[in-house]
Amino acid sequence: MSDVTIEYCVPCGFRERAIALQRAILNGLERDIDSVALVTGDHGVFRVDVDGETVYAKGEDDYDVDAIVREVRARL
């Protein structure tokens, strides 16, 4: 089983985006993961890690919930 971490920028207002992504990951992968943690950050961060390995980082990829969930699934 794996741990997923979603780090998001508080000053940027990314909390709702992080919560929506957390919900999507849980809806699709709840039985395959141990946890989905939300971690507060700053400086524009929005990053998704699976067991410490980054699968999405804002600025490197377009934000697409379905694509991120597929990347998380691929890393499990």
N, C-alpha and C. Protein backbone atom coordinates (compact mmCIF):
# COMPACT_ATOMS: atom_id res chain seq x y z
N MET A 1 0.85 -1.19 0.00
CA MET A 1 0.00 0.00 0.00
C MET A 1 0.89 1.24 0.00
N SER A 2 0.31 2.35 -0.46
CA SER A 2 1.08 3.57 -0.66
C SER A 2 0.44 4.76 0.03
N ASP A 3 1.27 5.79 0.21
CA ASP A 3 0.82 7.05 0.79
C ASP A 3 0.90 8.13 -0.28
N VAL A 4 -0.15 8.92 -0.40
CA VAL A 4 -0.21 10.02 -1.36
C VAL A 4 -0.22 11.32 -0.57
N THR A 5 0.59 12.28 -1.01
CA THR A 5 0.65 13.59 -0.37
C THR A 5 0.34 14.66 -1.41
N ILE A 6 -0.57 15.55 -1.06
CA ILE A 6 -0.89 16.69 -1.91
C ILE A 6 -0.46 17.94 -1.15
N GLU A 7 0.58 18.60 -1.63
CA GLU A 7 1.05 19.84 -1.02
C GLU A 7 0.51 21.01 -1.83
N TYR A 8 -0.10 21.97 -1.15
CA TYR A 8 -0.73 23.07 -1.87
C TYR A 8 -0.41 24.41 -1.21
N CYS A 9 -0.41 25.45 -2.02
CA CYS A 9 -0.10 26.80 -1.57
C CYS A 9 -1.32 27.42 -0.90
N VAL A 10 -1.20 27.76 0.38
CA VAL A 10 -2.29 28.39 1.12
C VAL A 10 -2.53 29.81 0.62
N PRO A 11 -1.48 30.68 0.53
CA PRO A 11 -1.73 32.05 0.08
C PRO A 11 -2.33 32.13 -1.33
N CYS A 12 -2.06 31.13 -2.16
CA CYS A 12 -2.57 31.13 -3.54
C CYS A 12 -4.03 30.71 -3.62
N GLY A 13 -4.56 30.16 -2.54
CA GLY A 13 -5.95 29.72 -2.54
C GLY A 13 -6.17 28.38 -3.20
N PHE A 14 -5.18 27.49 -3.14
CA PHE A 14 -5.28 26.17 -3.80
C PHE A 14 -5.95 25.10 -2.93
N ARG A 15 -6.48 25.49 -1.77
CA ARG A 15 -7.08 24.50 -0.87
C ARG A 15 -8.23 23.74 -1.52
N GLU A 16 -9.14 24.43 -2.16
CA GLU A 16 -10.29 23.76 -2.77
C GLU A 16 -9.85 22.80 -3.87
N ARG A 17 -8.85 23.20 -4.64
CA ARG A 17 -8.30 22.32 -5.68
C ARG A 17 -7.70 21.06 -5.05
N ALA A 18 -6.99 21.24 -3.94
CA ALA A 18 -6.38 20.10 -3.26
C ALA A 18 -7.43 19.16 -2.70
N ILE A 19 -8.49 19.73 -2.13
CA ILE A 19 -9.57 18.90 -1.57
C ILE A 19 -10.29 18.14 -2.68
N ALA A 20 -10.54 18.80 -3.81
CA ALA A 20 -11.20 18.12 -4.93
C ALA A 20 -10.34 16.99 -5.47
N LEU A 21 -9.03 17.21 -5.56
CA LEU A 21 -8.13 16.16 -6.03
C LEU A 21 -8.07 15.02 -5.02
N GLN A 22 -8.03 15.33 -3.74
CA GLN A 22 -8.03 14.30 -2.71
C GLN A 22 -9.28 13.43 -2.84
N ARG A 23 -10.42 14.06 -3.04
CA ARG A 23 -11.68 13.33 -3.21
C ARG A 23 -11.63 12.42 -4.43
N ALA A 24 -11.10 12.93 -5.55
CA ALA A 24 -11.01 12.14 -6.78
C ALA A 24 -10.09 10.93 -6.58
N ILE A 25 -8.98 11.13 -5.89
CA ILE A 25 -8.06 10.02 -5.64
C ILE A 25 -8.73 8.97 -4.75
N LEU A 26 -9.41 9.42 -3.72
CA LEU A 26 -10.10 8.49 -2.83
C LEU A 26 -11.21 7.75 -3.55
N ASN A 27 -11.95 8.44 -4.39
CA ASN A 27 -13.04 7.80 -5.14
C ASN A 27 -12.53 6.69 -6.05
N GLY A 28 -11.38 6.89 -6.65
CA GLY A 28 -10.87 5.91 -7.60
C GLY A 28 -9.92 4.88 -7.03
N LEU A 29 -9.25 5.22 -5.92
CA LEU A 29 -8.15 4.37 -5.47
C LEU A 29 -8.18 4.04 -3.98
N GLU A 30 -9.28 4.28 -3.33
CA GLU A 30 -9.36 4.14 -1.88
C GLU A 30 -8.87 2.79 -1.36
N ARG A 31 -9.14 1.74 -2.07
CA ARG A 31 -8.75 0.40 -1.60
C ARG A 31 -7.27 0.09 -1.86
N ASP A 32 -6.61 0.93 -2.65
CA ASP A 32 -5.23 0.67 -3.05
C ASP A 32 -4.19 1.52 -2.32
N ILE A 33 -4.65 2.43 -1.46
CA ILE A 33 -3.72 3.34 -0.79
C ILE A 33 -3.94 3.31 0.72
N ASP A 34 -2.90 3.70 1.46
CA ASP A 34 -3.00 3.80 2.91
C ASP A 34 -3.54 5.16 3.33
N SER A 35 -3.09 6.22 2.64
CA SER A 35 -3.51 7.56 3.04
C SER A 35 -3.38 8.54 1.88
N VAL A 36 -4.17 9.62 1.99
CA VAL A 36 -4.05 10.78 1.10
C VAL A 36 -4.00 11.99 2.02
N ALA A 37 -2.83 12.57 2.16
CA ALA A 37 -2.63 13.68 3.10
C ALA A 37 -2.56 15.01 2.37
N LEU A 38 -3.18 16.02 2.98
CA LEU A 38 -3.06 17.39 2.49
C LEU A 38 -2.00 18.08 3.35
N VAL A 39 -1.05 18.73 2.68
CA VAL A 39 0.05 19.41 3.36
C VAL A 39 0.06 20.87 2.91
N THR A 40 0.00 21.77 3.86
CA THR A 40 0.01 23.19 3.51
C THR A 40 1.40 23.64 3.10
N GLY A 41 1.44 24.58 2.17
CA GLY A 41 2.71 25.12 1.70
C GLY A 41 2.52 26.56 1.26
N ASP A 42 3.54 27.08 0.57
CA ASP A 42 3.47 28.44 0.05
C ASP A 42 4.32 28.53 -1.21
N HIS A 43 4.57 29.73 -1.67
CA HIS A 43 5.39 29.98 -2.86
C HIS A 43 4.82 29.31 -4.11
N GLY A 44 3.49 29.21 -4.21
CA GLY A 44 2.86 28.70 -5.43
C GLY A 44 2.88 27.20 -5.62
N VAL A 45 3.23 26.45 -4.58
CA VAL A 45 3.37 25.00 -4.72
C VAL A 45 2.02 24.32 -4.91
N PHE A 46 1.99 23.36 -5.80
CA PHE A 46 0.89 22.39 -5.89
C PHE A 46 1.54 21.13 -6.45
N ARG A 47 1.77 20.16 -5.57
CA ARG A 47 2.54 18.97 -5.93
C ARG A 47 1.87 17.73 -5.35
N VAL A 48 1.92 16.65 -6.12
CA VAL A 48 1.37 15.38 -5.68
C VAL A 48 2.50 14.36 -5.67
N ASP A 49 2.70 13.72 -4.53
CA ASP A 49 3.73 12.69 -4.38
C ASP A 49 3.09 11.36 -4.01
N VAL A 50 3.65 10.29 -4.52
CA VAL A 50 3.27 8.94 -4.12
C VAL A 50 4.52 8.31 -3.52
N ASP A 51 4.44 7.99 -2.24
CA ASP A 51 5.58 7.42 -1.51
C ASP A 51 6.85 8.24 -1.72
N GLY A 52 6.70 9.57 -1.68
CA GLY A 52 7.84 10.47 -1.78
C GLY A 52 8.29 10.79 -3.19
N GLU A 53 7.70 10.19 -4.19
CA GLU A 53 8.07 10.43 -5.59
C GLU A 53 7.02 11.33 -6.24
N THR A 54 7.45 12.44 -6.81
CA THR A 54 6.53 13.41 -7.40
C THR A 54 5.92 12.86 -8.68
N VAL A 55 4.57 12.90 -8.74
CA VAL A 55 3.86 12.47 -9.94
C VAL A 55 3.21 13.66 -10.65
N TYR A 56 3.10 14.79 -9.96
CA TYR A 56 2.57 16.02 -10.56
C TYR A 56 3.15 17.21 -9.82
N ALA A 57 3.56 18.22 -10.58
CA ALA A 57 4.01 19.48 -9.99
C ALA A 57 3.50 20.62 -10.87
N LYS A 58 2.84 21.56 -10.24
CA LYS A 58 2.34 22.74 -10.97
C LYS A 58 3.52 23.42 -11.65
N GLY A 59 3.31 23.81 -12.87
CA GLY A 59 4.38 24.46 -13.62
C GLY A 59 5.08 23.50 -14.55
N GLU A 60 5.07 22.21 -14.22
CA GLU A 60 5.69 21.21 -15.08
C GLU A 60 4.64 20.54 -15.97
N ASP A 61 3.41 20.41 -15.47
CA ASP A 61 2.34 19.73 -16.19
C ASP A 61 1.06 20.56 -16.10
N ASP A 62 0.15 20.35 -17.05
CA ASP A 62 -1.17 20.98 -16.96
C ASP A 62 -1.96 20.31 -15.86
N TYR A 63 -2.79 21.09 -15.16
CA TYR A 63 -3.62 20.54 -14.10
C TYR A 63 -4.81 19.84 -14.73
N ASP A 64 -4.87 18.54 -14.58
CA ASP A 64 -5.96 17.71 -15.09
C ASP A 64 -6.20 16.62 -14.06
N VAL A 65 -7.31 16.71 -13.34
CA VAL A 65 -7.58 15.79 -12.25
C VAL A 65 -7.51 14.34 -12.71
N ASP A 66 -8.15 14.02 -13.84
CA ASP A 66 -8.15 12.64 -14.32
C ASP A 66 -6.75 12.14 -14.65
N ALA A 67 -5.94 13.00 -15.26
CA ALA A 67 -4.56 12.62 -15.59
C ALA A 67 -3.74 12.39 -14.33
N ILE A 68 -3.95 13.22 -13.31
CA ILE A 68 -3.21 13.05 -12.06
C ILE A 68 -3.61 11.75 -11.39
N VAL A 69 -4.90 11.44 -11.36
CA VAL A 69 -5.36 10.18 -10.77
C VAL A 69 -4.75 9.00 -11.53
N ARG A 70 -4.68 9.09 -12.86
CA ARG A 70 -4.05 8.01 -13.65
C ARG A 70 -2.58 7.86 -13.29
N GLU A 71 -1.88 8.98 -13.09
CA GLU A 71 -0.46 8.91 -12.70
C GLU A 71 -0.30 8.28 -11.33
N VAL A 72 -1.17 8.64 -10.41
CA VAL A 72 -1.11 8.04 -9.07
C VAL A 72 -1.34 6.54 -9.19
N ARG A 73 -2.37 6.14 -9.95
CA ARG A 73 -2.68 4.70 -10.14
C ARG A 73 -1.47 3.98 -10.74
N ALA A 74 -0.80 4.58 -11.69
CA ALA A 74 0.35 3.96 -12.34
C ALA A 74 1.50 3.73 -11.36
N ARG A 75 1.61 4.57 -10.33
CA ARG A 75 2.70 4.44 -9.37
C ARG A 75 2.41 3.45 -8.24
N LEU A 76 1.16 3.01 -8.15
CA LEU A 76 0.81 2.11 -7.06
C LEU A 76 1.26 0.69 -7.33
